Amino acid sequence: MPVIRILPHPEYCPNGAEVTAPSGTSLCEAMLDNHIEIEHACELSCACTTCHVVVREGFESLAEAEEIEEDLLDKAWGLEPKSRLSCQALVGKVPLVIEIPKY
């Protein structure tokens, strides 16, 4: 299982975290399964931007975002070129480093 390193965030994981998740698990599910209570207002249905993350390492290993995710990301606060909705980005086989934006 690939390692997902979450950079420190004052609310969700002040010291940062390192978790593992099976391939095919969404980043959001991986965090929630490991007690990192990232916001997910739409319950992982790709209808909001509250689970927005920036993939600092391993971005290229993720499948391309679908059009609905791209449209929602345009509304996300702190959007960057390597932004994804964590409910839609599925863990592959490559380790990842992600940052949860500070709103």
PDB file of N, CA and C in Angstrom:
ATOM      1  N   MET A   1       0.842  -1.182   0.000  1.00  0.00           N
ATOM      2  CA  MET A   1       0.000   0.000   0.000  1.00  0.00           C
ATOM      3  C   MET A   1       0.888   1.247   0.000  1.00  0.00           C
ATOM      4  N   PRO A   2       0.564   2.197  -0.853  1.00  0.00           N
ATOM      5  CA  PRO A   2       1.370   3.418  -0.899  1.00  0.00           C
ATOM      6  C   PRO A   2       1.185   4.287   0.352  1.00  0.00           C
ATOM      7  N   VAL A   3       2.215   5.028   0.659  1.00  0.00           N
ATOM      8  CA  VAL A   3       2.198   5.948   1.793  1.00  0.00           C
ATOM      9  C   VAL A   3       1.679   7.297   1.319  1.00  0.00           C
ATOM     10  N   ILE A   4       0.818   7.901   2.121  1.00  0.00           N
ATOM     11  CA  ILE A   4       0.309   9.251   1.858  1.00  0.00           C
ATOM     12  C   ILE A   4       0.768  10.118   3.023  1.00  0.00           C
ATOM     13  N   ARG A   5       1.590  11.101   2.712  1.00  0.00           N
ATOM     14  CA  ARG A   5       2.051  12.010   3.759  1.00  0.00           C
ATOM     15  C   ARG A   5       1.219  13.280   3.666  1.00  0.00           C
ATOM     16  N   ILE A   6       0.586  13.632   4.779  1.00  0.00           N
ATOM     17  CA  ILE A   6      -0.229  14.846   4.843  1.00  0.00           C
ATOM     18  C   ILE A   6       0.579  15.890   5.591  1.00  0.00           C
ATOM     19  N   LEU A   7       0.812  17.014   4.951  1.00  0.00           N
ATOM     20  CA  LEU A   7       1.584  18.085   5.573  1.00  0.00           C
ATOM     21  C   LEU A   7       0.788  18.684   6.732  1.00  0.00           C
ATOM     22  N   PRO A   8       1.480  19.274   7.708  1.00  0.00           N
ATOM     23  CA  PRO A   8       0.774  19.828   8.875  1.00  0.00           C
ATOM     24  C   PRO A   8      -0.309  20.835   8.484  1.00  0.00           C
ATOM     25  N   HIS A   9      -1.426  20.727   9.176  1.00  0.00           N
ATOM     26  CA  HIS A   9      -2.543  21.655   9.021  1.00  0.00           C
ATOM     27  C   HIS A   9      -3.028  21.963  10.434  1.00  0.00           C
ATOM     28  N   PRO A  10      -3.194  23.248  10.785  1.00  0.00           N
ATOM     29  CA  PRO A  10      -3.503  23.600  12.175  1.00  0.00           C
ATOM     30  C   PRO A  10      -4.766  22.962  12.742  1.00  0.00           C
ATOM     31  N   GLU A  11      -5.735  22.667  11.905  1.00  0.00           N
ATOM     32  CA  GLU A  11      -6.996  22.111  12.390  1.00  0.00           C
ATOM     33  C   GLU A  11      -7.067  20.598  12.247  1.00  0.00           C
ATOM     34  N   TYR A  12      -6.738  20.067  11.081  1.00  0.00           N
ATOM     35  CA  TYR A  12      -6.970  18.658  10.789  1.00  0.00           C
ATOM     36  C   TYR A  12      -5.858  17.726  11.268  1.00  0.00           C
ATOM     37  N   CYS A  13      -4.609  18.164  11.174  1.00  0.00           N
ATOM     38  CA  CYS A  13      -3.491  17.336  11.652  1.00  0.00           C
ATOM     39  C   CYS A  13      -2.303  18.265  11.923  1.00  0.00           C
ATOM     40  N   PRO A  14      -2.284  18.874  13.111  1.00  0.00           N
ATOM     41  CA  PRO A  14      -1.272  19.883  13.440  1.00  0.00           C
ATOM     42  C   PRO A  14       0.171  19.413  13.276  1.00  0.00           C
ATOM     43  N   ASN A  15       0.435  18.140  13.476  1.00  0.00           N
ATOM     44  CA  ASN A  15       1.803  17.621  13.355  1.00  0.00           C
ATOM     45  C   ASN A  15       2.052  16.939  12.017  1.00  0.00           C
ATOM     46  N   GLY A  16       1.096  17.020  11.115  1.00  0.00           N
ATOM     47  CA  GLY A  16       1.190  16.263   9.879  1.00  0.00           C
ATOM     48  C   GLY A  16       0.860  14.803  10.172  1.00  0.00           C
ATOM     49  N   ALA A  17       0.843  14.001   9.144  1.00  0.00           N
ATOM     50  CA  ALA A  17       0.514  12.588   9.330  1.00  0.00           C
ATOM     51  C   ALA A  17       1.049  11.791   8.160  1.00  0.00           C
ATOM     52  N   GLU A  18       1.205  10.499   8.399  1.00  0.00           N
ATOM     53  CA  GLU A  18       1.592   9.574   7.349  1.00  0.00           C
ATOM     54  C   GLU A  18       0.667   8.372   7.468  1.00  0.00           C
ATOM     55  N   VAL A  19      -0.056   8.089   6.392  1.00  0.00           N
ATOM     56  CA  VAL A  19      -1.024   6.993   6.398  1.00  0.00           C
ATOM     57  C   VAL A  19      -0.799   6.122   5.165  1.00  0.00           C
ATOM     58  N   THR A  20      -1.371   4.942   5.182  1.00  0.00           N
ATOM     59  CA  THR A  20      -1.365   4.083   4.004  1.00  0.00           C
ATOM     60  C   THR A  20      -2.813   3.787   3.630  1.00  0.00           C
ATOM     61  N   ALA A  21      -3.007   3.472   2.367  1.00  0.00           N
ATOM     62  CA  ALA A  21      -4.348   3.139   1.887  1.00  0.00           C
ATOM     63  C   ALA A  21      -4.220   2.223   0.674  1.00  0.00           C
ATOM     64  N   PRO A  22      -5.154   1.319   0.509  1.00  0.00           N
ATOM     65  CA  PRO A  22      -5.118   0.451  -0.675  1.00  0.00           C
ATOM     66  C   PRO A  22      -5.334   1.266  -1.955  1.00  0.00           C
ATOM     67  N   SER A  23      -4.721   0.823  -3.029  1.00  0.00           N
ATOM     68  CA  SER A  23      -4.946   1.450  -4.328  1.00  0.00           C
ATOM     69  C   SER A  23      -6.438   1.452  -4.614  1.00  0.00           C
ATOM     70  N   GLY A  24      -6.916   2.545  -5.208  1.00  0.00           N
ATOM     71  CA  GLY A  24      -8.332   2.676  -5.530  1.00  0.00           C
ATOM     72  C   GLY A  24      -9.128   3.393  -4.466  1.00  0.00           C
ATOM     73  N   THR A  25      -8.518   3.679  -3.306  1.00  0.00           N
ATOM     74  CA  THR A  25      -9.167   4.434  -2.240  1.00  0.00           C
ATOM     75  C   THR A  25      -9.026   5.915  -2.544  1.00  0.00           C
ATOM     76  N   SER A  26     -10.071   6.687  -2.312  1.00  0.00           N
ATOM     77  CA  SER A  26      -9.921   8.132  -2.526  1.00  0.00           C
ATOM     78  C   SER A  26      -9.058   8.719  -1.418  1.00  0.00           C
ATOM     79  N   LEU A  27      -8.390   9.827  -1.724  1.00  0.00           N
ATOM     80  CA  LEU A  27      -7.583  10.499  -0.712  1.00  0.00           C
ATOM     81  C   LEU A  27      -8.432  10.891   0.484  1.00  0.00           C
ATOM     82  N   CYS A  28      -9.648  11.331   0.233  1.00  0.00           N
ATOM     83  CA  CYS A  28     -10.544  11.727   1.318  1.00  0.00           C
ATOM     84  C   CYS A  28     -10.850  10.529   2.216  1.00  0.00           C
ATOM     85  N   GLU A  29     -11.198   9.399   1.629  1.00  0.00           N
ATOM     86  CA  GLU A  29     -11.477   8.198   2.420  1.00  0.00           C
ATOM     87  C   GLU A  29     -10.254   7.769   3.222  1.00  0.00           C
ATOM     88  N   ALA A  30      -9.085   7.855   2.609  1.00  0.00           N
ATOM     89  CA  ALA A  30      -7.848   7.471   3.305  1.00  0.00           C
ATOM     90  C   ALA A  30      -7.636   8.344   4.535  1.00  0.00           C
ATOM     91  N   MET A  31      -7.881   9.647   4.406  1.00  0.00           N
ATOM     92  CA  MET A  31      -7.716  10.536   5.556  1.00  0.00           C
ATOM     93  C   MET A  31      -8.771  10.240   6.623  1.00  0.00           C
ATOM     94  N   LEU A  32     -10.028  10.132   6.207  1.00  0.00           N
ATOM     95  CA  LEU A  32     -11.099   9.874   7.168  1.00  0.00           C
ATOM     96  C   LEU A  32     -10.886   8.540   7.889  1.00  0.00           C
ATOM     97  N   ASP A  33     -10.446   7.520   7.165  1.00  0.00           N
ATOM     98  CA  ASP A  33     -10.193   6.204   7.770  1.00  0.00           C
ATOM     99  C   ASP A  33      -9.081   6.266   8.813  1.00  0.00           C
ATOM    100  N   ASN A  34      -8.247   7.302   8.723  1.00  0.00           N
ATOM    101  CA  ASN A  34      -7.127   7.458   9.646  1.00  0.00           C
ATOM    102  C   ASN A  34      -7.330   8.628  10.603  1.00  0.00           C
ATOM    103  N   HIS A  35      -8.585   8.980  10.835  1.00  0.00           N
ATOM    104  CA  HIS A  35      -8.968   9.988  11.833  1.00  0.00           C
ATOM    105  C   HIS A  35      -8.479  11.397  11.524  1.00  0.00           C
ATOM    106  N   ILE A  36      -8.293  11.694  10.245  1.00  0.00           N
ATOM    107  CA  ILE A  36      -8.017  13.059   9.807  1.00  0.00           C
ATOM    108  C   ILE A  36      -9.337  13.554   9.234  1.00  0.00           C
ATOM    109  N   GLU A  37     -10.040  14.342  10.002  1.00  0.00           N
ATOM    110  CA  GLU A  37     -11.429  14.695   9.708  1.00  0.00           C
ATOM    111  C   GLU A  37     -11.536  15.871   8.730  1.00  0.00           C
ATOM    112  N   ILE A  38     -11.005  15.672   7.527  1.00  0.00           N
ATOM    113  CA  ILE A  38     -11.091  16.700   6.489  1.00  0.00           C
ATOM    114  C   ILE A  38     -12.561  16.982   6.187  1.00  0.00           C
ATOM    115  N   GLU A  39     -12.847  18.229   5.910  1.00  0.00           N
ATOM    116  CA  GLU A  39     -14.215  18.635   5.559  1.00  0.00           C
ATOM    117  C   GLU A  39     -14.639  17.899   4.290  1.00  0.00           C
ATOM    118  N   HIS A  40     -15.885  17.464   4.242  1.00  0.00           N
ATOM    119  CA  HIS A  40     -16.445  16.797   3.052  1.00  0.00           C
ATOM    120  C   HIS A  40     -17.963  16.972   3.058  1.00  0.00           C
ATOM    121  N   ALA A  41     -18.371  18.214   2.849  1.00  0.00           N
ATOM    122  CA  ALA A  41     -19.769  18.615   3.007  1.00  0.00           C
ATOM    123  C   ALA A  41     -20.741  17.828   2.127  1.00  0.00           C
ATOM    124  N   CYS A  42     -20.305  17.398   0.966  1.00  0.00           N
ATOM    125  CA  CYS A  42     -21.220  16.697   0.051  1.00  0.00           C
ATOM    126  C   CYS A  42     -21.167  15.187   0.218  1.00  0.00           C
ATOM    127  N   GLU A  43     -20.500  14.729   1.274  1.00  0.00           N
ATOM    128  CA  GLU A  43     -20.392  13.291   1.554  1.00  0.00           C
ATOM    129  C   GLU A  43     -19.760  12.520   0.397  1.00  0.00           C
ATOM    130  N   LEU A  44     -18.708  13.091  -0.184  1.00  0.00           N
ATOM    131  CA  LEU A  44     -17.880  12.442  -1.211  1.00  0.00           C
ATOM    132  C   LEU A  44     -18.582  12.281  -2.558  1.00  0.00           C
ATOM    133  N   SER A  45     -19.555  13.128  -2.847  1.00  0.00           N
ATOM    134  CA  SER A  45     -20.318  12.976  -4.092  1.00  0.00           C
ATOM    135  C   SER A  45     -19.871  13.923  -5.209  1.00  0.00           C
ATOM    136  N   CYS A  46     -18.760  14.612  -5.020  1.00  0.00           N
ATOM    137  CA  CYS A  46     -18.236  15.547  -6.025  1.00  0.00           C
ATOM    138  C   CYS A  46     -19.246  16.650  -6.335  1.00  0.00           C
ATOM    139  N   ALA A  47     -19.754  17.258  -5.255  1.00  0.00           N
ATOM    140  CA  ALA A  47     -20.731  18.332  -5.425  1.00  0.00           C
ATOM    141  C   ALA A  47     -20.316  19.612  -4.701  1.00  0.00           C
ATOM    142  N   CYS A  48     -19.110  19.633  -4.128  1.00  0.00           N
ATOM    143  CA  CYS A  48     -18.625  20.832  -3.440  1.00  0.00           C
ATOM    144  C   CYS A  48     -17.100  20.871  -3.562  1.00  0.00           C
ATOM    145  N   THR A  49     -16.465  21.768  -2.853  1.00  0.00           N
ATOM    146  CA  THR A  49     -14.998  21.858  -2.909  1.00  0.00           C
ATOM    147  C   THR A  49     -14.362  21.773  -1.525  1.00  0.00           C
ATOM    148  N   THR A  50     -15.110  21.346  -0.525  1.00  0.00           N
ATOM    149  CA  THR A  50     -14.585  21.388   0.840  1.00  0.00           C
ATOM    150  C   THR A  50     -13.454  20.395   1.091  1.00  0.00           C
ATOM    151  N   CYS A  51     -13.293  19.389   0.258  1.00  0.00           N
ATOM    152  CA  CYS A  51     -12.217  18.408   0.439  1.00  0.00           C
ATOM    153  C   CYS A  51     -11.021  18.693  -0.467  1.00  0.00           C
ATOM    154  N   HIS A  52     -10.926  19.895  -0.967  1.00  0.00           N
ATOM    155  CA  HIS A  52      -9.840  20.306  -1.855  1.00  0.00           C
ATOM    156  C   HIS A  52      -8.483  20.097  -1.191  1.00  0.00           C
ATOM    157  N   VAL A  53      -7.549  19.497  -1.926  1.00  0.00           N
ATOM    158  CA  VAL A  53      -6.167  19.339  -1.478  1.00  0.00           C
ATOM    159  C   VAL A  53      -5.237  19.719  -2.618  1.00  0.00           C
ATOM    160  N   VAL A  54      -3.984  19.965  -2.261  1.00  0.00           N
ATOM    161  CA  VAL A  54      -2.947  20.195  -3.259  1.00  0.00           C
ATOM    162  C   VAL A  54      -1.982  19.022  -3.155  1.00  0.00           C
ATOM    163  N   VAL A  55      -1.736  18.360  -4.281  1.00  0.00           N
ATOM    164  CA  VAL A  55      -0.847  17.199  -4.307  1.00  0.00           C
ATOM    165  C   VAL A  55       0.563  17.717  -4.594  1.00  0.00           C
ATOM    166  N   ARG A  56       1.405  17.714  -3.569  1.00  0.00           N
ATOM    167  CA  ARG A  56       2.764  18.258  -3.669  1.00  0.00           C
ATOM    168  C   ARG A  56       3.739  17.284  -4.304  1.00  0.00           C
ATOM    169  N   GLU A  57       3.515  15.980  -4.114  1.00  0.00           N
ATOM    170  CA  GLU A  57       4.360  14.958  -4.747  1.00  0.00           C
ATOM    171  C   GLU A  57       3.479  13.800  -5.174  1.00  0.00           C
ATOM    172  N   GLY A  58       3.746  13.283  -6.370  1.00  0.00           N
ATOM    173  CA  GLY A  58       2.993  12.142  -6.881  1.00  0.00           C
ATOM    174  C   GLY A  58       1.790  12.514  -7.724  1.00  0.00           C
ATOM    175  N   PHE A  59       1.615  13.787  -8.029  1.00  0.00           N
ATOM    176  CA  PHE A  59       0.444  14.259  -8.787  1.00  0.00           C
ATOM    177  C   PHE A  59       0.292  13.513 -10.108  1.00  0.00           C
ATOM    178  N   GLU A  60       1.412  13.287 -10.785  1.00  0.00           N
ATOM    179  CA  GLU A  60       1.368  12.668 -12.112  1.00  0.00           C
ATOM    180  C   GLU A  60       0.854  11.239 -12.074  1.00  0.00           C
ATOM    181  N   SER A  61       0.902  10.595 -10.893  1.00  0.00           N
ATOM    182  CA  SER A  61       0.449   9.211 -10.782  1.00  0.00           C
ATOM    183  C   SER A  61      -1.072   9.096 -10.693  1.00  0.00           C
ATOM    184  N   LEU A  62      -1.746  10.208 -10.450  1.00  0.00           N
ATOM    185  CA  LEU A  62      -3.206  10.195 -10.325  1.00  0.00           C
ATOM    186  C   LEU A  62      -3.862  10.237 -11.700  1.00  0.00           C
ATOM    187  N   ALA A  63      -4.995   9.591 -11.821  1.00  0.00           N
ATOM    188  CA  ALA A  63      -5.773   9.680 -13.068  1.00  0.00           C
ATOM    189  C   ALA A  63      -6.206  11.134 -13.258  1.00  0.00           C
ATOM    190  N   GLU A  64      -6.374  11.539 -14.498  1.00  0.00           N
ATOM    191  CA  GLU A  64      -6.809  12.906 -14.770  1.00  0.00           C
ATOM    192  C   GLU A  64      -8.173  13.172 -14.159  1.00  0.00           C
ATOM    193  N   ALA A  65      -8.357  14.415 -13.736  1.00  0.00           N
ATOM    194  CA  ALA A  65      -9.648  14.823 -13.180  1.00  0.00           C
ATOM    195  C   ALA A  65     -10.707  14.811 -14.284  1.00  0.00           C
ATOM    196  N   GLU A  66     -11.904  14.387 -13.925  1.00  0.00           N
ATOM    197  CA  GLU A  66     -13.010  14.419 -14.877  1.00  0.00           C
ATOM    198  C   GLU A  66     -13.552  15.849 -14.950  1.00  0.00           C
ATOM    199  N   GLU A  67     -14.361  16.119 -15.952  1.00  0.00           N
ATOM    200  CA  GLU A  67     -14.856  17.471 -16.208  1.00  0.00           C
ATOM    201  C   GLU A  67     -15.606  18.058 -15.011  1.00  0.00           C
ATOM    202  N   ILE A  68     -16.438  17.262 -14.353  1.00  0.00           N
ATOM    203  CA  ILE A  68     -17.204  17.783 -13.216  1.00  0.00           C
ATOM    204  C   ILE A  68     -16.266  18.233 -12.088  1.00  0.00           C
ATOM    205  N   GLU A  69     -15.200  17.460 -11.848  1.00  0.00           N
ATOM    206  CA  GLU A  69     -14.221  17.855 -10.828  1.00  0.00           C
ATOM    207  C   GLU A  69     -13.505  19.136 -11.248  1.00  0.00           C
ATOM    208  N   GLU A  70     -13.103  19.214 -12.503  1.00  0.00           N
ATOM    209  CA  GLU A  70     -12.428  20.419 -13.009  1.00  0.00           C
ATOM    210  C   GLU A  70     -13.314  21.652 -12.840  1.00  0.00           C
ATOM    211  N   ASP A  71     -14.600  21.514 -13.158  1.00  0.00           N
ATOM    212  CA  ASP A  71     -15.523  22.643 -13.020  1.00  0.00           C
ATOM    213  C   ASP A  71     -15.643  23.091 -11.566  1.00  0.00           C
ATOM    214  N   LEU A  72     -15.707  22.131 -10.646  1.00  0.00           N
ATOM    215  CA  LEU A  72     -15.796  22.478  -9.226  1.00  0.00           C
ATOM    216  C   LEU A  72     -14.495  23.093  -8.726  1.00  0.00           C
ATOM    217  N   LEU A  73     -13.374  22.549  -9.166  1.00  0.00           N
ATOM    218  CA  LEU A  73     -12.087  23.082  -8.718  1.00  0.00           C
ATOM    219  C   LEU A  73     -11.930  24.553  -9.063  1.00  0.00           C
ATOM    220  N   ASP A  74     -12.546  24.988 -10.157  1.00  0.00           N
ATOM    221  CA  ASP A  74     -12.484  26.407 -10.534  1.00  0.00           C
ATOM    222  C   ASP A  74     -13.055  27.305  -9.441  1.00  0.00           C
ATOM    223  N   LYS A  75     -13.882  26.732  -8.561  1.00  0.00           N
ATOM    224  CA  LYS A  75     -14.512  27.501  -7.486  1.00  0.00           C
ATOM    225  C   LYS A  75     -13.785  27.341  -6.146  1.00  0.00           C
ATOM    226  N   ALA A  76     -12.763  26.510  -6.111  1.00  0.00           N
ATOM    227  CA  ALA A  76     -12.072  26.210  -4.850  1.00  0.00           C
ATOM    228  C   ALA A  76     -11.175  27.372  -4.427  1.00  0.00           C
ATOM    229  N   TRP A  77     -11.154  27.616  -3.119  1.00  0.00           N
ATOM    230  CA  TRP A  77     -10.276  28.629  -2.562  1.00  0.00           C
ATOM    231  C   TRP A  77      -8.847  28.101  -2.598  1.00  0.00           C
ATOM    232  N   GLY A  78      -7.898  28.932  -3.000  1.00  0.00           N
ATOM    233  CA  GLY A  78      -6.490  28.541  -2.995  1.00  0.00           C
ATOM    234  C   GLY A  78      -6.123  27.571  -4.106  1.00  0.00           C
ATOM    235  N   LEU A  79      -6.836  27.612  -5.203  1.00  0.00           N
ATOM    236  CA  LEU A  79      -6.592  26.703  -6.326  1.00  0.00           C
ATOM    237  C   LEU A  79      -5.161  26.821  -6.832  1.00  0.00           C
ATOM    238  N   GLU A  80      -4.539  25.685  -7.100  1.00  0.00           N
ATOM    239  CA  GLU A  80      -3.193  25.617  -7.666  1.00  0.00           C
ATOM    240  C   GLU A  80      -3.212  24.621  -8.819  1.00  0.00           C
ATOM    241  N   PRO A  81      -2.178  24.624  -9.664  1.00  0.00           N
ATOM    242  CA  PRO A  81      -2.161  23.675 -10.788  1.00  0.00           C
ATOM    243  C   PRO A  81      -2.261  22.204 -10.372  1.00  0.00           C
ATOM    244  N   LYS A  82      -1.803  21.871  -9.165  1.00  0.00           N
ATOM    245  CA  LYS A  82      -1.852  20.478  -8.716  1.00  0.00           C
ATOM    246  C   LYS A  82      -2.954  20.260  -7.677  1.00  0.00           C
ATOM    247  N   SER A  83      -4.027  21.041  -7.769  1.00  0.00           N
ATOM    248  CA  SER A  83      -5.177  20.881  -6.885  1.00  0.00           C
ATOM    249  C   SER A  83      -6.047  19.729  -7.353  1.00  0.00           C
ATOM    250  N   ARG A  84      -6.640  19.033  -6.384  1.00  0.00           N
ATOM    251  CA  ARG A  84      -7.615  17.983  -6.661  1.00  0.00           C
ATOM    252  C   ARG A  84      -8.664  17.987  -5.568  1.00  0.00           C
ATOM    253  N   LEU A  85      -9.825  17.439  -5.880  1.00  0.00           N
ATOM    254  CA  LEU A  85     -10.812  17.160  -4.842  1.00  0.00           C
ATOM    255  C   LEU A  85     -10.438  15.791  -4.288  1.00  0.00           C
ATOM    256  N   SER A  86     -10.210  15.723  -2.986  1.00  0.00           N
ATOM    257  CA  SER A  86      -9.714  14.469  -2.415  1.00  0.00           C
ATOM    258  C   SER A  86     -10.736  13.341  -2.504  1.00  0.00           C
ATOM    259  N   CYS A  87     -12.014  13.673  -2.695  1.00  0.00           N
ATOM    260  CA  CYS A  87     -13.027  12.623  -2.845  1.00  0.00           C
ATOM    261  C   CYS A  87     -12.956  11.971  -4.226  1.00  0.00           C
ATOM    262  N   GLN A  88     -12.271  12.601  -5.164  1.00  0.00           N
ATOM    263  CA  GLN A  88     -12.206  12.095  -6.539  1.00  0.00           C
ATOM    264  C   GLN A  88     -10.835  11.538  -6.908  1.00  0.00           C
ATOM    265  N   ALA A  89      -9.791  11.966  -6.221  1.00  0.00           N
ATOM    266  CA  ALA A  89      -8.430  11.516  -6.531  1.00  0.00           C
ATOM    267  C   ALA A  89      -8.191  10.166  -5.856  1.00  0.00           C
ATOM    268  N   LEU A  90      -7.955   9.144  -6.653  1.00  0.00           N
ATOM    269  CA  LEU A  90      -7.781   7.791  -6.134  1.00  0.00           C
ATOM    270  C   LEU A  90      -6.306   7.445  -5.987  1.00  0.00           C
ATOM    271  N   VAL A  91      -5.986   6.841  -4.866  1.00  0.00           N
ATOM    272  CA  VAL A  91      -4.627   6.401  -4.587  1.00  0.00           C
ATOM    273  C   VAL A  91      -4.238   5.337  -5.600  1.00  0.00           C
ATOM    274  N   GLY A  92      -3.035   5.470  -6.137  1.00  0.00           N
ATOM    275  CA  GLY A  92      -2.510   4.462  -7.052  1.00  0.00           C
ATOM    276  C   GLY A  92      -1.448   3.640  -6.351  1.00  0.00           C
ATOM    277  N   LYS A  93      -0.286   3.537  -6.973  1.00  0.00           N
ATOM    278  CA  LYS A  93       0.800   2.744  -6.398  1.00  0.00           C
ATOM    279  C   LYS A  93       1.987   3.598  -5.983  1.00  0.00           C
ATOM    280  N   VAL A  94       1.890   4.905  -6.190  1.00  0.00           N
ATOM    281  CA  VAL A  94       3.000   5.814  -5.927  1.00  0.00           C
ATOM    282  C   VAL A  94       2.743   6.574  -4.629  1.00  0.00           C
ATOM    283  N   PRO A  95       3.769   6.737  -3.788  1.00  0.00           N
ATOM    284  CA  PRO A  95       3.598   7.551  -2.578  1.00  0.00           C
ATOM    285  C   PRO A  95       3.171   8.973  -2.941  1.00  0.00           C
ATOM    286  N   LEU A  96       2.408   9.594  -2.067  1.00  0.00           N
ATOM    287  CA  LEU A  96       1.890  10.938  -2.302  1.00  0.00           C
ATOM    288  C   LEU A  96       2.208  11.839  -1.115  1.00  0.00           C
ATOM    289  N   VAL A  97       2.369  13.113  -1.404  1.00  0.00           N
ATOM    290  CA  VAL A  97       2.449  14.145  -0.369  1.00  0.00           C
ATOM    291  C   VAL A  97       1.355  15.135  -0.691  1.00  0.00           C
ATOM    292  N   ILE A  98       0.473  15.384   0.287  1.00  0.00           N
ATOM    293  CA  ILE A  98      -0.634  16.305   0.043  1.00  0.00           C
ATOM    294  C   ILE A  98      -0.678  17.385   1.111  1.00  0.00           C
ATOM    295  N   GLU A  99      -1.230  18.499   0.700  1.00  0.00           N
ATOM    296  CA  GLU A  99      -1.426  19.623   1.609  1.00  0.00           C
ATOM    297  C   GLU A  99      -2.903  20.001   1.598  1.00  0.00           C
ATOM    298  N   ILE A 100      -3.455  20.162   2.774  1.00  0.00           N
ATOM    299  CA  ILE A 100      -4.827  20.644   2.894  1.00  0.00           C
ATOM    300  C   ILE A 100      -4.725  22.162   3.004  1.00  0.00           C
ATOM    301  N   PRO A 101      -5.308  22.914   2.055  1.00  0.00           N
ATOM    302  CA  PRO A 101      -5.198  24.378   2.127  1.00  0.00           C
ATOM    303  C   PRO A 101      -5.737  24.939   3.425  1.00  0.00           C
ATOM    304  N   LYS A 102      -5.133  26.004   3.884  1.00  0.00           N
ATOM    305  CA  LYS A 102      -5.584  26.696   5.098  1.00  0.00           C
ATOM    306  C   LYS A 102      -6.517  27.810   4.671  1.00  0.00           C
ATOM    307  N   TYR A 103      -7.786  27.686   4.982  1.00  0.00           N
ATOM    308  CA  TYR A 103      -8.785  28.658   4.548  1.00  0.00           C
ATOM    309  C   TYR A 103      -8.821  29.835   5.477  1.00  0.00           C
TER     310      TYR A 103
END
